[in-house]
């Protein structure tokens, strides 16, 4: 999505899945990335994800 500069809806159409599926995949990826930083002892990592609706969601993982 980010490298191709497309929206979640556009990525979903290209991949043949629904937009919520793309959103779930991005959430899972953010969780995995935060877990890596946690294992590297970076402490809490905050990830901001902007949804298609323009709302910001914040996720913190201290592991």
N, C-alpha and C. Protein backbone atom coordinates (compact mmCIF):
# COMPACT_ATOMS: atom_id res chain seq x y z
N UNK A 1 0.81 -1.18 0.00
CA UNK A 1 0.00 0.00 0.00
C UNK A 1 0.86 1.25 0.00
N UNK A 2 1.78 1.32 0.93
CA UNK A 2 2.55 2.54 1.08
C UNK A 2 3.52 2.74 -0.08
N UNK A 3 4.21 1.71 -0.49
CA UNK A 3 5.15 1.83 -1.59
C UNK A 3 4.47 2.15 -2.91
N UNK A 4 3.24 1.66 -3.06
CA UNK A 4 2.48 1.89 -4.29
C UNK A 4 1.63 3.15 -4.18
N UNK A 5 1.58 3.75 -2.99
CA UNK A 5 0.80 4.96 -2.74
C UNK A 5 -0.65 4.80 -3.16
N UNK A 6 -1.28 3.73 -2.62
CA UNK A 6 -2.70 3.49 -2.89
C UNK A 6 -3.46 3.45 -1.57
N UNK A 7 -4.76 3.65 -1.64
CA UNK A 7 -5.60 3.57 -0.45
C UNK A 7 -5.85 2.11 -0.10
N UNK A 8 -6.39 1.89 1.09
CA UNK A 8 -6.77 0.53 1.48
C UNK A 8 -7.80 -0.03 0.51
N UNK A 9 -8.74 0.79 0.10
CA UNK A 9 -9.78 0.33 -0.84
C UNK A 9 -9.16 -0.07 -2.17
N UNK A 10 -8.21 0.73 -2.66
CA UNK A 10 -7.56 0.41 -3.93
C UNK A 10 -6.71 -0.86 -3.80
N UNK A 11 -6.00 -0.99 -2.69
CA UNK A 11 -5.19 -2.19 -2.46
C UNK A 11 -6.09 -3.43 -2.39
N UNK A 12 -7.23 -3.29 -1.73
CA UNK A 12 -8.17 -4.41 -1.63
C UNK A 12 -8.65 -4.85 -3.00
N UNK A 13 -9.00 -3.87 -3.83
CA UNK A 13 -9.47 -4.18 -5.19
C UNK A 13 -8.38 -4.90 -5.97
N UNK A 14 -7.16 -4.41 -5.90
CA UNK A 14 -6.04 -5.02 -6.62
C UNK A 14 -5.79 -6.45 -6.15
N UNK A 15 -5.88 -6.67 -4.83
CA UNK A 15 -5.60 -7.99 -4.27
C UNK A 15 -6.81 -8.92 -4.30
N UNK A 16 -7.98 -8.39 -4.62
CA UNK A 16 -9.18 -9.23 -4.66
C UNK A 16 -9.71 -9.61 -3.30
N UNK A 17 -9.52 -8.71 -2.34
CA UNK A 17 -10.03 -8.92 -0.98
C UNK A 17 -10.84 -7.69 -0.58
N UNK A 18 -11.40 -7.72 0.62
CA UNK A 18 -12.17 -6.58 1.09
C UNK A 18 -11.26 -5.58 1.81
N UNK A 19 -11.73 -4.35 1.92
CA UNK A 19 -10.96 -3.31 2.62
C UNK A 19 -10.73 -3.69 4.08
N UNK A 20 -11.76 -4.25 4.78
CA UNK A 20 -11.47 -4.66 6.16
C UNK A 20 -10.36 -5.71 6.27
N UNK A 21 -10.23 -6.57 5.27
CA UNK A 21 -9.14 -7.56 5.26
C UNK A 21 -7.79 -6.86 5.15
N UNK A 22 -7.70 -5.85 4.30
CA UNK A 22 -6.46 -5.07 4.17
C UNK A 22 -6.17 -4.38 5.50
N UNK A 23 -7.17 -3.79 6.12
CA UNK A 23 -6.99 -3.11 7.41
C UNK A 23 -6.49 -4.08 8.47
N UNK A 24 -7.07 -5.28 8.51
CA UNK A 24 -6.63 -6.29 9.49
C UNK A 24 -5.18 -6.69 9.25
N UNK A 25 -4.80 -6.81 7.98
CA UNK A 25 -3.42 -7.17 7.65
C UNK A 25 -2.46 -6.07 8.10
N UNK A 26 -2.84 -4.82 7.89
CA UNK A 26 -1.99 -3.70 8.33
C UNK A 26 -1.88 -3.66 9.84
N UNK A 27 -2.99 -3.90 10.54
CA UNK A 27 -2.95 -3.94 12.01
C UNK A 27 -2.03 -5.05 12.49
N UNK A 28 -2.14 -6.22 11.87
CA UNK A 28 -1.30 -7.36 12.27
C UNK A 28 0.17 -7.04 12.01
N UNK A 29 0.46 -6.41 10.87
CA UNK A 29 1.85 -6.04 10.56
C UNK A 29 2.39 -5.04 11.57
N UNK A 30 1.58 -4.06 11.94
CA UNK A 30 2.01 -3.07 12.93
C UNK A 30 2.28 -3.74 14.27
N UNK A 31 1.45 -4.70 14.65
CA UNK A 31 1.67 -5.44 15.90
C UNK A 31 2.98 -6.21 15.86
N UNK A 32 3.25 -6.85 14.72
CA UNK A 32 4.49 -7.63 14.59
C UNK A 32 5.73 -6.72 14.62
N UNK A 33 5.64 -5.59 13.96
CA UNK A 33 6.76 -4.65 13.97
C UNK A 33 7.00 -4.13 15.39
N UNK A 34 5.92 -3.79 16.09
CA UNK A 34 6.05 -3.32 17.47
C UNK A 34 6.66 -4.40 18.36
N UNK A 35 6.31 -5.65 18.12
CA UNK A 35 6.87 -6.75 18.91
C UNK A 35 8.37 -6.87 18.70
N UNK A 36 8.83 -6.66 17.48
CA UNK A 36 10.28 -6.70 17.19
C UNK A 36 10.98 -5.60 17.98
N UNK A 37 10.45 -4.39 17.93
CA UNK A 37 11.06 -3.30 18.68
C UNK A 37 11.05 -3.60 20.18
N UNK A 38 9.99 -4.23 20.63
CA UNK A 38 9.92 -4.62 22.04
C UNK A 38 11.02 -5.60 22.41
N UNK A 39 11.25 -6.59 21.53
CA UNK A 39 12.32 -7.57 21.78
C UNK A 39 13.69 -6.91 21.75
N UNK A 40 13.83 -5.83 21.00
CA UNK A 40 15.10 -5.10 20.95
C UNK A 40 15.25 -4.15 22.13
N UNK A 41 14.30 -4.21 23.06
CA UNK A 41 14.32 -3.37 24.26
C UNK A 41 14.24 -1.88 23.95
N UNK A 42 13.49 -1.51 22.94
CA UNK A 42 13.26 -0.11 22.64
C UNK A 42 12.18 0.47 23.55
N UNK A 43 11.53 -0.40 24.33
CA UNK A 43 10.44 0.07 25.18
C UNK A 43 9.15 0.11 24.39
N UNK A 44 8.24 0.96 24.82
CA UNK A 44 6.94 1.06 24.16
C UNK A 44 7.10 1.70 22.78
N UNK A 45 6.38 1.15 21.84
CA UNK A 45 6.38 1.67 20.48
C UNK A 45 4.96 2.08 20.15
N UNK A 46 4.77 3.30 19.69
CA UNK A 46 3.44 3.78 19.32
C UNK A 46 3.37 3.87 17.80
N UNK A 47 2.31 3.29 17.25
CA UNK A 47 2.11 3.31 15.81
C UNK A 47 0.80 4.01 15.53
N UNK A 48 0.83 5.01 14.66
CA UNK A 48 -0.39 5.70 14.26
C UNK A 48 -0.79 5.21 12.88
N UNK A 49 -2.04 4.81 12.76
CA UNK A 49 -2.57 4.33 11.49
C UNK A 49 -3.74 5.22 11.13
N UNK A 50 -3.71 5.79 9.95
CA UNK A 50 -4.80 6.63 9.51
C UNK A 50 -5.76 5.79 8.69
N UNK A 51 -7.00 5.68 9.15
CA UNK A 51 -8.01 4.91 8.45
C UNK A 51 -8.54 5.71 7.26
N UNK A 52 -9.18 5.03 6.33
CA UNK A 52 -9.74 5.71 5.17
C UNK A 52 -10.72 6.80 5.56
N UNK A 53 -11.36 6.67 6.72
CA UNK A 53 -12.34 7.66 7.15
C UNK A 53 -11.67 8.92 7.69
N UNK A 54 -10.34 8.91 7.79
CA UNK A 54 -9.62 10.08 8.29
C UNK A 54 -9.40 10.04 9.79
N UNK A 55 -9.88 8.99 10.47
CA UNK A 55 -9.68 8.89 11.91
C UNK A 55 -8.31 8.32 12.19
N UNK A 56 -7.66 8.79 13.26
CA UNK A 56 -6.37 8.25 13.66
C UNK A 56 -6.59 7.23 14.77
N UNK A 57 -5.92 6.11 14.64
CA UNK A 57 -5.94 5.08 15.67
C UNK A 57 -4.54 4.98 16.23
N UNK A 58 -4.41 4.79 17.53
CA UNK A 58 -3.10 4.67 18.13
C UNK A 58 -2.99 3.33 18.79
N UNK A 59 -1.85 2.68 18.63
CA UNK A 59 -1.62 1.36 19.16
C UNK A 59 -0.29 1.40 19.91
N UNK A 60 -0.25 0.87 21.12
CA UNK A 60 1.00 0.83 21.88
C UNK A 60 1.27 -0.60 22.28
N UNK A 61 2.51 -1.03 22.09
CA UNK A 61 2.91 -2.38 22.46
C UNK A 61 4.20 -2.27 23.25
N UNK A 62 4.16 -2.68 24.51
CA UNK A 62 5.32 -2.55 25.37
C UNK A 62 6.12 -3.84 25.46
N UNK A 63 5.74 -4.89 24.74
CA UNK A 63 6.46 -6.17 24.80
C UNK A 63 7.69 -6.13 23.96
